[in-house]
Amino acid sequence: MKKGIPENYKPSVQEVKRYLKKWKKLKGYVPQEKALNELFFDLCPTNDTMNAILLKISVLNNFYSTNIFDVFTVGENYMKIAIDERLAREDATLVDDLAHVELNDGKKRHFYSFATKYCSHHKPLAYPIYDRYVAEVLKFFRRRDGFCQFQNAELLQYPRFKSIIDQFKQFYGLEQFNYKEIDQYLWQLGKDYYRQEYKKK
């Protein structure tokens, strides 16, 4: 049975700051993020070679356990897209284009959450991350407070997802926090209250 966020819980500046402090104490996560920052910002900041793309996909896939079993084919798909040019102008539609991958067996896959992570680790202040915990939190506050009207499927359309995050920040007075900080808050909040549900699955 889903535990769920308490009905009397309210997002606030104080709550976000509390969770950001918790983030800094999470075993393994902070060193992992530092390693990813070094990889994406210093070692392989561009996406113009297959080597750089494969390295970043492989490390992200390993760190986040995203179950991409055909890394090379995903890399081939990424090479066909002008990633750097679109990152430079913070093109939100880039995520959706990266998410759609056709594997060698002809099957099409939608690696959406992974694509948000790939873009976010290049430009964390422009690309919020989608994952199942974040989605559960947003759906809870939609139901309880009506901060934004959206269908569940809209969370999987990245420009719309980004606008939903913006409305969440505005509704609860959290505009002082950037996307990275809101990511860390929403993910931890969702993990606190929905982890058991996903463990059972």
C-alpha atoms as a PDB file:
ATOM      1  CA  MET A   1       0.000   0.000   0.000  1.00  0.00           C
ATOM      2  CA  LYS A   2       1.317   3.419  -0.951  1.00  0.00           C
ATOM      3  CA  LYS A   3       2.458   5.440   2.047  1.00  0.00           C
ATOM      4  CA  GLY A   4       2.083   8.808   0.361  1.00  0.00           C
ATOM      5  CA  ILE A   5       2.866  12.365   1.386  1.00  0.00           C
ATOM      6  CA  PRO A   6       0.897  13.478   4.484  1.00  0.00           C
ATOM      7  CA  GLU A   7      -2.163  15.557   3.583  1.00  0.00           C
ATOM      8  CA  ASN A   8      -1.030  18.371   5.864  1.00  0.00           C
ATOM      9  CA  TYR A   9       2.453  18.643   4.335  1.00  0.00           C
ATOM     10  CA  LYS A  10       3.175  21.942   2.587  1.00  0.00           C
ATOM     11  CA  PRO A  11       6.144  22.838   0.376  1.00  0.00           C
ATOM     12  CA  SER A  12       7.959  25.904   1.686  1.00  0.00           C
ATOM     13  CA  VAL A  13      11.290  27.694   1.552  1.00  0.00           C
ATOM     14  CA  GLN A  14      12.150  26.153   4.919  1.00  0.00           C
ATOM     15  CA  GLU A  15      11.316  22.633   3.690  1.00  0.00           C
ATOM     16  CA  VAL A  16      13.407  23.002   0.548  1.00  0.00           C
ATOM     17  CA  LYS A  17      16.360  24.237   2.599  1.00  0.00           C
ATOM     18  CA  ARG A  18      15.919  21.314   5.003  1.00  0.00           C
ATOM     19  CA  TYR A  19      16.031  18.819   2.163  1.00  0.00           C
ATOM     20  CA  LEU A  20      19.013  20.539   0.548  1.00  0.00           C
ATOM     21  CA  LYS A  21      20.913  20.099   3.806  1.00  0.00           C
ATOM     22  CA  LYS A  22      19.919  16.421   3.833  1.00  0.00           C
ATOM     23  CA  TRP A  23      21.188  16.060   0.265  1.00  0.00           C
ATOM     24  CA  LYS A  24      24.684  17.110   1.276  1.00  0.00           C
ATOM     25  CA  LYS A  25      24.760  14.266   3.804  1.00  0.00           C
ATOM     26  CA  LEU A  26      23.534  11.488   1.495  1.00  0.00           C
ATOM     27  CA  LYS A  27      26.195   8.795   1.399  1.00  0.00           C
ATOM     28  CA  GLY A  28      27.566   8.334  -2.098  1.00  0.00           C
ATOM     29  CA  TYR A  29      25.391  10.886  -3.879  1.00  0.00           C
ATOM     30  CA  VAL A  30      27.556  13.969  -3.367  1.00  0.00           C
ATOM     31  CA  PRO A  31      30.813  12.283  -4.553  1.00  0.00           C
ATOM     32  CA  GLN A  32      28.871  10.810  -7.475  1.00  0.00           C
ATOM     33  CA  GLU A  33      27.577  14.239  -8.483  1.00  0.00           C
ATOM     34  CA  LYS A  34      31.073  15.706  -8.227  1.00  0.00           C
ATOM     35  CA  ALA A  35      32.382  12.972 -10.507  1.00  0.00           C
ATOM     36  CA  LEU A  36      29.600  13.617 -13.029  1.00  0.00           C
ATOM     37  CA  ASN A  37      30.287  17.350 -12.936  1.00  0.00           C
ATOM     38  CA  GLU A  38      33.950  16.741 -13.695  1.00  0.00           C
ATOM     39  CA  LEU A  39      33.014  14.442 -16.572  1.00  0.00           C
ATOM     40  CA  PHE A  40      30.378  16.710 -18.131  1.00  0.00           C
ATOM     41  CA  PHE A  41      31.947  20.112 -17.429  1.00  0.00           C
ATOM     42  CA  ASP A  42      35.688  19.445 -17.674  1.00  0.00           C
ATOM     43  CA  LEU A  43      36.564  16.169 -19.392  1.00  0.00           C
ATOM     44  CA  CYS A  44      33.791  15.844 -22.009  1.00  0.00           C
ATOM     45  CA  PRO A  45      31.849  19.112 -22.230  1.00  0.00           C
ATOM     46  CA  THR A  46      30.891  18.660 -25.898  1.00  0.00           C
ATOM     47  CA  ASN A  47      29.009  16.006 -27.858  1.00  0.00           C
ATOM     48  CA  ASP A  48      30.847  16.022 -31.164  1.00  0.00           C
ATOM     49  CA  THR A  49      32.595  12.659 -30.812  1.00  0.00           C
ATOM     50  CA  MET A  50      31.258   9.179 -30.234  1.00  0.00           C
ATOM     51  CA  ASN A  51      33.855   8.615 -27.519  1.00  0.00           C
ATOM     52  CA  ALA A  52      32.597  11.525 -25.424  1.00  0.00           C
ATOM     53  CA  ILE A  53      28.959  10.567 -25.862  1.00  0.00           C
ATOM     54  CA  LEU A  54      29.537   6.891 -25.059  1.00  0.00           C
ATOM     55  CA  LEU A  55      31.525   7.743 -21.953  1.00  0.00           C
ATOM     56  CA  LYS A  56      28.818  10.052 -20.609  1.00  0.00           C
ATOM     57  CA  ILE A  57      25.967   7.662 -21.415  1.00  0.00           C
ATOM     58  CA  SER A  58      27.834   4.752 -19.808  1.00  0.00           C
ATOM     59  CA  VAL A  59      28.629   6.597 -16.584  1.00  0.00           C
ATOM     60  CA  LEU A  60      25.135   8.051 -16.232  1.00  0.00           C
ATOM     61  CA  ASN A  61      23.612   4.663 -16.942  1.00  0.00           C
ATOM     62  CA  ASN A  62      25.771   3.057 -14.274  1.00  0.00           C
ATOM     63  CA  PHE A  63      25.342   5.720 -11.602  1.00  0.00           C
ATOM     64  CA  TYR A  64      21.575   6.015 -12.029  1.00  0.00           C
ATOM     65  CA  SER A  65      20.877   2.342 -12.839  1.00  0.00           C
ATOM     66  CA  THR A  66      18.764   3.372 -15.841  1.00  0.00           C
ATOM     67  CA  ASN A  67      18.844  -0.046 -17.527  1.00  0.00           C
ATOM     68  CA  ILE A  68      20.101   1.030 -20.928  1.00  0.00           C
ATOM     69  CA  PHE A  69      21.486  -2.241 -22.254  1.00  0.00           C
ATOM     70  CA  ASP A  70      22.482  -1.026 -25.729  1.00  0.00           C
ATOM     71  CA  VAL A  71      24.644   1.980 -24.948  1.00  0.00           C
ATOM     72  CA  PHE A  72      26.273   2.057 -28.377  1.00  0.00           C
ATOM     73  CA  THR A  73      22.983   2.308 -30.281  1.00  0.00           C
ATOM     74  CA  VAL A  74      21.784   5.085 -27.973  1.00  0.00           C
ATOM     75  CA  GLY A  75      25.089   6.850 -28.662  1.00  0.00           C
ATOM     76  CA  GLU A  76      24.570   6.473 -32.414  1.00  0.00           C
ATOM     77  CA  ASN A  77      21.165   8.124 -32.089  1.00  0.00           C
ATOM     78  CA  TYR A  78      22.664  10.961 -30.046  1.00  0.00           C
ATOM     79  CA  MET A  79      25.343  11.561 -32.677  1.00  0.00           C
ATOM     80  CA  LYS A  80      22.635  12.320 -35.238  1.00  0.00           C
ATOM     81  CA  ILE A  81      21.349  15.239 -33.156  1.00  0.00           C
ATOM     82  CA  ALA A  82      22.968  18.675 -32.901  1.00  0.00           C
ATOM     83  CA  ILE A  83      23.171  18.403 -29.125  1.00  0.00           C
ATOM     84  CA  ASP A  84      25.682  21.167 -28.408  1.00  0.00           C
ATOM     85  CA  GLU A  85      23.975  23.767 -30.568  1.00  0.00           C
ATOM     86  CA  ARG A  86      20.607  23.035 -28.977  1.00  0.00           C
ATOM     87  CA  LEU A  87      22.003  22.949 -25.443  1.00  0.00           C
ATOM     88  CA  ALA A  88      23.525  26.362 -26.078  1.00  0.00           C
ATOM     89  CA  ARG A  89      20.081  27.840 -26.727  1.00  0.00           C
ATOM     90  CA  GLU A  90      18.476  25.747 -23.960  1.00  0.00           C
ATOM     91  CA  ASP A  91      16.097  24.069 -26.374  1.00  0.00           C
ATOM     92  CA  ALA A  92      13.595  22.120 -24.263  1.00  0.00           C
ATOM     93  CA  THR A  93      12.538  19.965 -27.212  1.00  0.00           C
ATOM     94  CA  LEU A  94      16.026  18.451 -27.272  1.00  0.00           C
ATOM     95  CA  VAL A  95      15.038  16.121 -24.432  1.00  0.00           C
ATOM     96  CA  ASP A  96      12.143  14.608 -26.365  1.00  0.00           C
ATOM     97  CA  ASP A  97      14.347  14.086 -29.420  1.00  0.00           C
ATOM     98  CA  LEU A  98      17.056  12.367 -27.378  1.00  0.00           C
ATOM     99  CA  ALA A  99      14.479  10.210 -25.603  1.00  0.00           C
ATOM    100  CA  HIS A 100      13.223   8.541 -28.801  1.00  0.00           C
ATOM    101  CA  VAL A 101      15.692   5.801 -29.703  1.00  0.00           C
ATOM    102  CA  GLU A 102      15.397   3.036 -32.285  1.00  0.00           C
ATOM    103  CA  LEU A 103      17.447  -0.011 -31.319  1.00  0.00           C
ATOM    104  CA  ASN A 104      19.161  -2.415 -33.703  1.00  0.00           C
ATOM    105  CA  ASP A 105      16.280  -4.885 -33.470  1.00  0.00           C
ATOM    106  CA  GLY A 106      13.957  -2.216 -34.845  1.00  0.00           C
ATOM    107  CA  LYS A 107      12.188  -1.705 -31.538  1.00  0.00           C
ATOM    108  CA  LYS A 108      11.624   1.860 -30.440  1.00  0.00           C
ATOM    109  CA  ARG A 109      12.342   2.923 -26.877  1.00  0.00           C
ATOM    110  CA  HIS A 110      11.527   6.068 -24.949  1.00  0.00           C
ATOM    111  CA  PHE A 111      14.437   6.783 -22.599  1.00  0.00           C
ATOM    112  CA  TYR A 112      12.836   9.972 -21.323  1.00  0.00           C
ATOM    113  CA  SER A 113      14.102  10.145 -17.750  1.00  0.00           C
ATOM    114  CA  PHE A 114      17.616   9.372 -18.959  1.00  0.00           C
ATOM    115  CA  ALA A 115      17.440  12.129 -21.580  1.00  0.00           C
ATOM    116  CA  THR A 116      16.458  14.670 -18.905  1.00  0.00           C
ATOM    117  CA  LYS A 117      19.468  13.584 -16.838  1.00  0.00           C
ATOM    118  CA  TYR A 118      21.797  13.804 -19.850  1.00  0.00           C
ATOM    119  CA  CYS A 119      20.723  17.371 -20.616  1.00  0.00           C
ATOM    120  CA  SER A 120      20.616  18.413 -16.972  1.00  0.00           C
ATOM    121  CA  HIS A 121      24.174  17.324 -16.346  1.00  0.00           C
ATOM    122  CA  HIS A 122      25.290  19.600 -19.172  1.00  0.00           C
ATOM    123  CA  LYS A 123      23.128  22.545 -18.088  1.00  0.00           C
ATOM    124  CA  PRO A 124      21.603  21.946 -14.627  1.00  0.00           C
ATOM    125  CA  LEU A 125      20.109  25.447 -14.426  1.00  0.00           C
ATOM    126  CA  ALA A 126      18.166  24.989 -17.668  1.00  0.00           C
ATOM    127  CA  TYR A 127      16.974  21.359 -17.583  1.00  0.00           C
ATOM    128  CA  PRO A 128      15.062  19.965 -14.578  1.00  0.00           C
ATOM    129  CA  ILE A 129      15.196  16.183 -14.175  1.00  0.00           C
ATOM    130  CA  TYR A 130      12.165  13.935 -14.513  1.00  0.00           C
ATOM    131  CA  ASP A 131      11.911  10.675 -12.627  1.00  0.00           C
ATOM    132  CA  ARG A 132       9.157   8.603 -11.050  1.00  0.00           C
ATOM    133  CA  TYR A 133       9.526  10.149  -7.590  1.00  0.00           C
ATOM    134  CA  VAL A 134       9.265  13.674  -8.976  1.00  0.00           C
ATOM    135  CA  ALA A 135       6.192  12.650 -10.966  1.00  0.00           C
ATOM    136  CA  GLU A 136       4.463  11.212  -7.876  1.00  0.00           C
ATOM    137  CA  VAL A 137       5.107  14.398  -5.892  1.00  0.00           C
ATOM    138  CA  LEU A 138       3.750  16.636  -8.646  1.00  0.00           C
ATOM    139  CA  LYS A 139       0.648  14.469  -9.056  1.00  0.00           C
ATOM    140  CA  PHE A 140      -0.002  14.577  -5.300  1.00  0.00           C
ATOM    141  CA  PHE A 141       0.097  18.378  -5.112  1.00  0.00           C
ATOM    142  CA  ARG A 142      -1.980  18.671  -8.290  1.00  0.00           C
ATOM    143  CA  ARG A 143      -4.704  16.619  -6.621  1.00  0.00           C
ATOM    144  CA  ARG A 144      -4.513  18.288  -3.234  1.00  0.00           C
ATOM    145  CA  ASP A 145      -3.823  21.934  -4.086  1.00  0.00           C
ATOM    146  CA  GLY A 146      -4.501  22.245  -7.820  1.00  0.00           C
ATOM    147  CA  PHE A 147      -1.260  24.156  -8.329  1.00  0.00           C
ATOM    148  CA  CYS A 148      -1.426  23.227 -12.034  1.00  0.00           C
ATOM    149  CA  GLN A 149      -3.885  21.373 -14.240  1.00  0.00           C
ATOM    150  CA  PHE A 150      -2.200  18.676 -16.324  1.00  0.00           C
ATOM    151  CA  GLN A 151      -2.707  15.145 -17.541  1.00  0.00           C
ATOM    152  CA  ASN A 152      -0.188  12.543 -16.381  1.00  0.00           C
ATOM    153  CA  ALA A 153       1.030  12.100 -19.960  1.00  0.00           C
ATOM    154  CA  GLU A 154       2.030  15.772 -20.073  1.00  0.00           C
ATOM    155  CA  LEU A 155       4.828  15.036 -17.617  1.00  0.00           C
ATOM    156  CA  LEU A 156       6.421  13.032 -20.434  1.00  0.00           C
ATOM    157  CA  GLN A 157       6.389  16.012 -22.814  1.00  0.00           C
ATOM    158  CA  TYR A 158       9.454  17.915 -21.739  1.00  0.00           C
ATOM    159  CA  PRO A 159       8.545  21.537 -22.527  1.00  0.00           C
ATOM    160  CA  ARG A 160       5.277  20.963 -20.664  1.00  0.00           C
ATOM    161  CA  PHE A 161       7.054  19.219 -17.783  1.00  0.00           C
ATOM    162  CA  LYS A 162       9.366  22.200 -17.444  1.00  0.00           C
ATOM    163  CA  SER A 163       6.409  24.592 -17.316  1.00  0.00           C
ATOM    164  CA  ILE A 164       4.771  22.426 -14.624  1.00  0.00           C
ATOM    165  CA  ILE A 165       7.936  22.704 -12.512  1.00  0.00           C
ATOM    166  CA  ASP A 166       7.852  26.486 -13.023  1.00  0.00           C
ATOM    167  CA  GLN A 167       4.236  26.636 -11.883  1.00  0.00           C
ATOM    168  CA  PHE A 168       5.063  24.507  -8.851  1.00  0.00           C
ATOM    169  CA  LYS A 169       7.814  26.946  -7.854  1.00  0.00           C
ATOM    170  CA  GLN A 170       5.555  29.954  -8.350  1.00  0.00           C
ATOM    171  CA  PHE A 171       2.542  28.487  -6.534  1.00  0.00           C
ATOM    172  CA  TYR A 172       4.526  27.656  -3.389  1.00  0.00           C
ATOM    173  CA  GLY A 173       6.792  30.720  -3.432  1.00  0.00           C
ATOM    174  CA  LEU A 174       9.962  28.807  -4.274  1.00  0.00           C
ATOM    175  CA  GLU A 175      11.259  31.023  -7.091  1.00  0.00           C
ATOM    176  CA  GLN A 176      14.557  31.612  -5.264  1.00  0.00           C
ATOM    177  CA  PHE A 177      15.589  28.011  -5.934  1.00  0.00           C
ATOM    178  CA  ASN A 178      17.049  26.893  -9.245  1.00  0.00           C
ATOM    179  CA  TYR A 179      16.078  23.736 -11.131  1.00  0.00           C
ATOM    180  CA  LYS A 180      18.905  21.707  -9.602  1.00  0.00           C
ATOM    181  CA  GLU A 181      17.813  22.579  -6.086  1.00  0.00           C
ATOM    182  CA  ILE A 182      14.169  21.856  -6.875  1.00  0.00           C
ATOM    183  CA  ASP A 183      15.267  18.511  -8.393  1.00  0.00           C
ATOM    184  CA  GLN A 184      17.007  17.569  -5.162  1.00  0.00           C
ATOM    185  CA  TYR A 185      14.008  18.606  -3.078  1.00  0.00           C
ATOM    186  CA  LEU A 186      11.328  16.846  -5.136  1.00  0.00           C
ATOM    187  CA  TRP A 187      13.377  13.668  -5.565  1.00  0.00           C
ATOM    188  CA  GLN A 188      14.100  13.317  -1.863  1.00  0.00           C
ATOM    189  CA  LEU A 189      10.507  14.112  -0.903  1.00  0.00           C
ATOM    190  CA  GLY A 190       9.236  11.499  -3.331  1.00  0.00           C
ATOM    191  CA  LYS A 191      11.823   8.970  -2.188  1.00  0.00           C
ATOM    192  CA  ASP A 192      10.771   9.485   1.440  1.00  0.00           C
ATOM    193  CA  TYR A 193       7.118   8.718   0.791  1.00  0.00           C
ATOM    194  CA  TYR A 194       6.943   6.542  -2.329  1.00  0.00           C
ATOM    195  CA  ARG A 195      10.014   4.325  -2.148  1.00  0.00           C
ATOM    196  CA  GLN A 196       8.140   1.338  -0.660  1.00  0.00           C
ATOM    197  CA  GLU A 197       5.655   1.373  -3.515  1.00  0.00           C
ATOM    198  CA  TYR A 198       8.398   1.043  -6.103  1.00  0.00           C
ATOM    199  CA  LYS A 199      10.310  -1.539  -4.104  1.00  0.00           C
ATOM    200  CA  LYS A 200       7.228  -3.780  -4.223  1.00  0.00           C
ATOM    201  CA  LYS A 201       7.002  -3.360  -7.991  1.00  0.00           C
END
